[in-house]
Protein backbone atom coordinates (compact mmCIF):
# COMPACT_ATOMS: atom_id res chain seq x y z
CA MET A 1 -52.65 30.32 102.79
CA MET A 2 -50.54 30.37 99.69
CA TYR A 3 -47.92 33.09 99.20
CA ARG A 4 -47.60 34.67 95.81
CA TYR A 5 -43.99 35.35 94.93
CA ASP A 6 -44.86 36.90 91.62
CA TYR A 7 -46.81 39.77 93.11
CA PRO A 8 -45.39 42.88 91.36
CA ASN A 9 -45.38 45.24 94.39
CA MET A 10 -43.81 42.77 96.80
CA MET A 11 -40.33 43.87 97.84
CA TYR A 12 -39.12 40.39 98.81
CA GLY A 13 -37.67 41.51 102.15
CA PHE A 14 -35.71 44.48 100.84
CA GLY A 15 -37.98 47.07 102.39
CA PHE A 16 -37.12 49.25 105.34
CA GLY A 17 -35.91 46.44 107.58
CA TRP A 18 -32.26 47.29 106.85
CA ILE A 19 -32.77 50.77 108.32
CA PHE A 20 -33.90 49.27 111.61
CA MET A 21 -30.96 46.87 111.53
CA LEU A 22 -28.54 49.81 111.10
CA ILE A 23 -30.21 51.70 113.95
CA PHE A 24 -30.08 48.62 116.18
CA TRP A 25 -26.36 47.98 115.57
CA GLY A 26 -25.60 51.69 115.87
CA VAL A 27 -27.20 51.75 119.32
CA ILE A 28 -25.31 48.59 120.36
CA ILE A 29 -21.95 50.01 119.23
CA TRP A 30 -22.68 53.38 120.88
CA ALA A 31 -23.61 51.63 124.16
CA ILE A 32 -20.39 49.58 124.17
CA PHE A 33 -18.29 52.66 123.42
CA THR A 34 -20.03 54.66 126.17
CA LEU A 35 -19.56 51.89 128.76
CA VAL A 36 -15.87 51.49 127.92
CA LYS A 37 -15.35 55.25 128.12
CA TYR A 38 -17.22 55.48 131.44
CA PHE A 39 -15.28 52.67 133.12
CA THR A 40 -11.87 53.79 131.86
CA GLU A 41 -12.40 57.35 133.07
CA LYS A 42 -13.88 56.12 136.35
CA ASN A 43 -10.77 54.03 137.05
CA GLY A 44 -8.42 56.89 136.30
CA TYR A 45 -7.29 55.81 132.85
CA GLY A 46 -7.61 57.78 129.66
CA TYR A 47 -8.13 61.46 129.11
CA GLY A 48 -10.14 62.09 132.27
CA ASN A 49 -7.07 61.61 134.46
CA ARG A 50 -4.94 63.87 132.28
CA ASN A 51 -7.39 66.74 132.78
CA LYS A 52 -7.23 66.25 136.55
CA ASP A 53 -3.43 66.38 136.44
CA ASP A 54 -3.50 69.56 134.37
CA GLU A 55 -5.91 71.15 136.82
CA ALA A 56 -3.76 70.15 139.82
CA MET A 57 -0.65 71.58 138.17
CA ARG A 58 -2.49 74.81 137.36
CA ILE A 59 -3.57 75.19 140.99
CA LEU A 60 -0.04 74.42 142.19
CA LYS A 61 1.42 77.09 139.89
CA GLU A 62 -1.16 79.61 141.08
CA ARG A 63 -0.32 78.92 144.73
CA TYR A 64 3.39 79.35 143.98
CA ALA A 65 2.75 82.57 142.07
CA LYS A 66 0.67 83.98 144.94
CA GLY A 67 3.44 83.13 147.41
CA GLU A 68 1.39 80.62 149.39
CA ILE A 69 4.14 78.00 148.99
CA ASN A 70 7.89 78.36 148.58
CA LYS A 71 10.11 76.94 145.82
CA GLU A 72 11.00 73.77 147.75
CA GLU A 73 7.34 72.94 148.40
CA PHE A 74 6.50 73.69 144.78
CA GLU A 75 9.21 71.36 143.46
CA GLU A 76 8.23 68.62 145.91
CA LYS A 77 4.55 68.78 144.99
CA LYS A 78 5.37 68.99 141.28
CA ASN A 79 7.41 65.78 141.57
CA VAL A 80 4.57 64.08 143.41
CA LEU A 81 2.17 65.03 140.62
CA ALA A 82 4.59 63.87 137.93
CA ASN A 83 5.09 60.47 139.61
CA ARG A 84 1.40 59.88 140.27
CA HIS A 85 0.87 57.91 137.06
């Protein structure tokens, strides 16, 4: 079979293939980003750990405000949380 390169409606490979290429690479980049984010948060790095520290400090302050722990215990636990990194 002979191909006709002079066919007027032929797009010579510049059709919609580039859209699928962009979608493909977008999915690949998204998957890599998601995996990196998942493993860094799972291991305690990144923003996930910071939120846990903030939550622990909030609970500690609440316990101190309610009188469940005294000032010495509060300071000791606060230092432990600060040195956990």
